[in-house]
């Protein structure tokens, strides 16, 4: 379970940071199709906030994975 949480956490964190940087700076025209926020029509105009929320969710998942690892080790 820890590995799944880490993978999804890193994916969400990368999507959030990538979406945020792309929405603010627009450097990555080649990556427009790789960022999930750009494909969700209901988020049109709110890409910055969505990138922040997705990045925070990724960080939370990574924290939960780390705490689950600590709980299994008995610390």
N, C-alpha and C. Protein backbone atom coordinates (compact mmCIF):
# COMPACT_ATOMS: atom_id res chain seq x y z
N UNK A 1 0.82 -1.19 0.00
CA UNK A 1 0.00 0.00 0.00
C UNK A 1 0.87 1.27 0.00
N UNK A 2 1.99 1.17 0.70
CA UNK A 2 2.90 2.32 0.78
C UNK A 2 3.42 2.72 -0.61
N UNK A 3 3.75 1.72 -1.41
CA UNK A 3 4.29 2.00 -2.75
C UNK A 3 3.25 2.68 -3.63
N UNK A 4 2.00 2.25 -3.52
CA UNK A 4 0.93 2.84 -4.32
C UNK A 4 0.72 4.30 -3.90
N UNK A 5 0.72 4.56 -2.59
CA UNK A 5 0.56 5.93 -2.12
C UNK A 5 1.70 6.82 -2.58
N UNK A 6 2.92 6.28 -2.56
CA UNK A 6 4.07 7.07 -3.02
C UNK A 6 3.99 7.39 -4.51
N UNK A 7 3.60 6.40 -5.30
CA UNK A 7 3.51 6.63 -6.75
C UNK A 7 2.44 7.68 -7.06
N UNK A 8 1.25 7.51 -6.47
CA UNK A 8 0.19 8.50 -6.71
C UNK A 8 0.56 9.86 -6.13
N UNK A 9 1.24 9.87 -4.99
CA UNK A 9 1.67 11.13 -4.41
C UNK A 9 2.63 11.88 -5.30
N UNK A 10 3.64 11.18 -5.83
CA UNK A 10 4.58 11.83 -6.73
C UNK A 10 3.92 12.28 -8.03
N UNK A 11 3.00 11.46 -8.55
CA UNK A 11 2.30 11.86 -9.78
C UNK A 11 1.48 13.13 -9.56
N UNK A 12 0.75 13.17 -8.45
CA UNK A 12 -0.06 14.36 -8.17
C UNK A 12 0.82 15.57 -7.90
N UNK A 13 1.91 15.38 -7.19
CA UNK A 13 2.81 16.49 -6.91
C UNK A 13 3.41 17.05 -8.20
N UNK A 14 3.85 16.16 -9.08
CA UNK A 14 4.41 16.62 -10.36
C UNK A 14 3.35 17.28 -11.24
N UNK A 15 2.14 16.73 -11.25
CA UNK A 15 1.06 17.35 -12.03
C UNK A 15 0.71 18.72 -11.48
N UNK A 16 0.68 18.83 -10.16
CA UNK A 16 0.36 20.12 -9.55
C UNK A 16 1.40 21.17 -9.84
N UNK A 17 2.67 20.82 -9.65
CA UNK A 17 3.75 21.78 -9.90
C UNK A 17 3.83 22.10 -11.40
N UNK A 18 3.71 21.09 -12.23
CA UNK A 18 3.74 21.33 -13.67
C UNK A 18 2.59 22.20 -14.14
N UNK A 19 1.41 21.93 -13.65
CA UNK A 19 0.25 22.74 -14.01
C UNK A 19 0.36 24.17 -13.52
N UNK A 20 0.89 24.33 -12.32
CA UNK A 20 1.06 25.67 -11.76
C UNK A 20 2.09 26.47 -12.55
N UNK A 21 3.23 25.87 -12.82
CA UNK A 21 4.27 26.57 -13.59
C UNK A 21 3.78 26.88 -15.00
N UNK A 22 3.09 25.94 -15.61
CA UNK A 22 2.60 26.17 -16.97
C UNK A 22 1.53 27.27 -16.99
N UNK A 23 0.66 27.29 -15.98
CA UNK A 23 -0.39 28.32 -15.95
C UNK A 23 0.20 29.70 -15.68
N UNK A 24 1.22 29.77 -14.84
CA UNK A 24 1.79 31.07 -14.51
C UNK A 24 2.77 31.58 -15.56
N UNK A 25 3.61 30.69 -16.08
CA UNK A 25 4.67 31.13 -16.98
C UNK A 25 4.45 30.74 -18.44
N UNK A 26 3.74 29.66 -18.67
CA UNK A 26 3.47 29.23 -20.03
C UNK A 26 4.68 28.76 -20.81
N UNK A 27 5.69 28.27 -20.11
CA UNK A 27 6.92 27.85 -20.78
C UNK A 27 6.76 26.56 -21.55
N UNK A 28 5.92 25.69 -21.11
CA UNK A 28 5.89 24.32 -21.61
C UNK A 28 4.76 24.11 -22.61
N UNK A 29 4.86 24.72 -23.76
CA UNK A 29 3.83 24.54 -24.78
C UNK A 29 3.79 23.10 -25.26
N UNK A 30 4.93 22.42 -25.26
CA UNK A 30 4.99 21.03 -25.70
C UNK A 30 4.34 20.09 -24.70
N UNK A 31 4.15 20.54 -23.46
CA UNK A 31 3.60 19.68 -22.42
C UNK A 31 2.13 19.97 -22.11
N UNK A 32 1.49 20.79 -22.92
CA UNK A 32 0.09 21.13 -22.68
C UNK A 32 -0.80 19.89 -22.58
N UNK A 33 -0.52 18.88 -23.40
CA UNK A 33 -1.37 17.69 -23.41
C UNK A 33 -1.03 16.73 -22.27
N UNK A 34 0.08 16.94 -21.57
CA UNK A 34 0.48 16.06 -20.48
C UNK A 34 -0.08 16.49 -19.13
N UNK A 35 -0.52 17.72 -19.03
CA UNK A 35 -0.99 18.26 -17.76
C UNK A 35 -2.50 18.04 -17.66
N UNK A 36 -2.90 17.36 -16.60
CA UNK A 36 -4.30 16.94 -16.43
C UNK A 36 -5.23 18.14 -16.30
N UNK A 37 -4.79 19.19 -15.66
CA UNK A 37 -5.64 20.36 -15.43
C UNK A 37 -6.12 20.95 -16.76
N UNK A 38 -5.32 20.87 -17.79
CA UNK A 38 -5.70 21.43 -19.09
C UNK A 38 -6.79 20.63 -19.78
N UNK A 39 -7.03 19.40 -19.35
CA UNK A 39 -8.05 18.56 -19.98
C UNK A 39 -9.41 18.64 -19.29
N UNK A 40 -9.48 19.23 -18.14
CA UNK A 40 -10.73 19.31 -17.39
C UNK A 40 -11.40 20.65 -17.67
N UNK A 41 -12.49 20.60 -18.41
CA UNK A 41 -13.17 21.81 -18.87
C UNK A 41 -13.70 22.66 -17.71
N UNK A 42 -14.15 22.03 -16.63
CA UNK A 42 -14.72 22.80 -15.54
C UNK A 42 -13.66 23.58 -14.75
N UNK A 43 -12.38 23.32 -15.00
CA UNK A 43 -11.31 24.06 -14.35
C UNK A 43 -10.75 25.18 -15.23
N UNK A 44 -11.34 25.39 -16.39
CA UNK A 44 -10.86 26.43 -17.30
C UNK A 44 -10.93 27.79 -16.61
N UNK A 45 -9.81 28.47 -16.54
CA UNK A 45 -9.73 29.75 -15.87
C UNK A 45 -9.28 29.64 -14.42
N UNK A 46 -9.22 28.43 -13.89
CA UNK A 46 -8.82 28.21 -12.50
C UNK A 46 -7.63 27.26 -12.42
N UNK A 47 -6.77 27.28 -13.43
CA UNK A 47 -5.66 26.33 -13.50
C UNK A 47 -4.65 26.53 -12.38
N UNK A 48 -4.45 27.77 -11.96
CA UNK A 48 -3.48 28.04 -10.89
C UNK A 48 -3.95 27.41 -9.59
N UNK A 49 -5.20 27.65 -9.24
CA UNK A 49 -5.74 27.10 -8.00
C UNK A 49 -5.79 25.58 -8.04
N UNK A 50 -6.15 25.04 -9.18
CA UNK A 50 -6.19 23.58 -9.32
C UNK A 50 -4.80 22.98 -9.20
N UNK A 51 -3.79 23.64 -9.76
CA UNK A 51 -2.42 23.16 -9.63
C UNK A 51 -1.97 23.16 -8.17
N UNK A 52 -2.34 24.18 -7.44
CA UNK A 52 -1.99 24.24 -6.02
C UNK A 52 -2.66 23.11 -5.26
N UNK A 53 -3.95 22.90 -5.49
CA UNK A 53 -4.69 21.86 -4.78
C UNK A 53 -4.14 20.48 -5.13
N UNK A 54 -3.87 20.23 -6.38
CA UNK A 54 -3.34 18.92 -6.80
C UNK A 54 -1.95 18.70 -6.19
N UNK A 55 -1.12 19.72 -6.16
CA UNK A 55 0.19 19.60 -5.56
C UNK A 55 0.12 19.32 -4.06
N UNK A 56 -0.80 19.99 -3.37
CA UNK A 56 -0.97 19.76 -1.94
C UNK A 56 -1.48 18.35 -1.68
N UNK A 57 -2.40 17.87 -2.51
CA UNK A 57 -2.89 16.50 -2.35
C UNK A 57 -1.77 15.49 -2.55
N UNK A 58 -0.89 15.74 -3.50
CA UNK A 58 0.26 14.87 -3.70
C UNK A 58 1.18 14.86 -2.49
N UNK A 59 1.41 16.05 -1.92
CA UNK A 59 2.24 16.13 -0.72
C UNK A 59 1.59 15.40 0.45
N UNK A 60 0.28 15.50 0.58
CA UNK A 60 -0.44 14.79 1.65
C UNK A 60 -0.31 13.28 1.47
N UNK A 61 -0.45 12.80 0.24
CA UNK A 61 -0.30 11.36 0.01
C UNK A 61 1.11 10.88 0.34
N UNK A 62 2.11 11.66 0.01
CA UNK A 62 3.49 11.28 0.36
C UNK A 62 3.68 11.26 1.87
N UNK A 63 3.07 12.19 2.57
CA UNK A 63 3.16 12.22 4.03
C UNK A 63 2.45 11.03 4.65
N UNK A 64 1.29 10.67 4.11
CA UNK A 64 0.55 9.50 4.61
C UNK A 64 1.35 8.23 4.37
N UNK A 65 1.98 8.12 3.22
CA UNK A 65 2.80 6.94 2.93
C UNK A 65 3.96 6.84 3.91
N UNK A 66 4.57 7.97 4.23
CA UNK A 66 5.68 7.96 5.17
C UNK A 66 5.22 7.60 6.58
N UNK A 67 4.07 8.11 6.97
CA UNK A 67 3.56 7.80 8.31
C UNK A 67 3.09 6.34 8.38
N UNK A 68 2.59 5.80 7.28
CA UNK A 68 2.21 4.37 7.27
C UNK A 68 3.46 3.50 7.40
N UNK A 69 4.55 3.91 6.78
CA UNK A 69 5.81 3.19 6.89
C UNK A 69 6.31 3.21 8.33
N UNK A 70 6.21 4.37 8.97
CA UNK A 70 6.64 4.48 10.37
C UNK A 70 5.76 3.64 11.29
N UNK A 71 4.46 3.59 11.02
CA UNK A 71 3.55 2.82 11.85
C UNK A 71 3.82 1.32 11.73
N UNK A 72 4.18 0.88 10.53
CA UNK A 72 4.49 -0.54 10.34
C UNK A 72 5.79 -0.92 11.04
N UNK A 73 6.72 0.02 11.09
CA UNK A 73 8.01 -0.25 11.74
C UNK A 73 7.90 -0.19 13.26
N UNK A 74 6.79 0.34 13.77
CA UNK A 74 6.57 0.41 15.19
C UNK A 74 7.24 1.58 15.88
N UNK A 75 7.50 2.61 15.14
CA UNK A 75 8.15 3.80 15.73
C UNK A 75 7.16 4.71 16.39
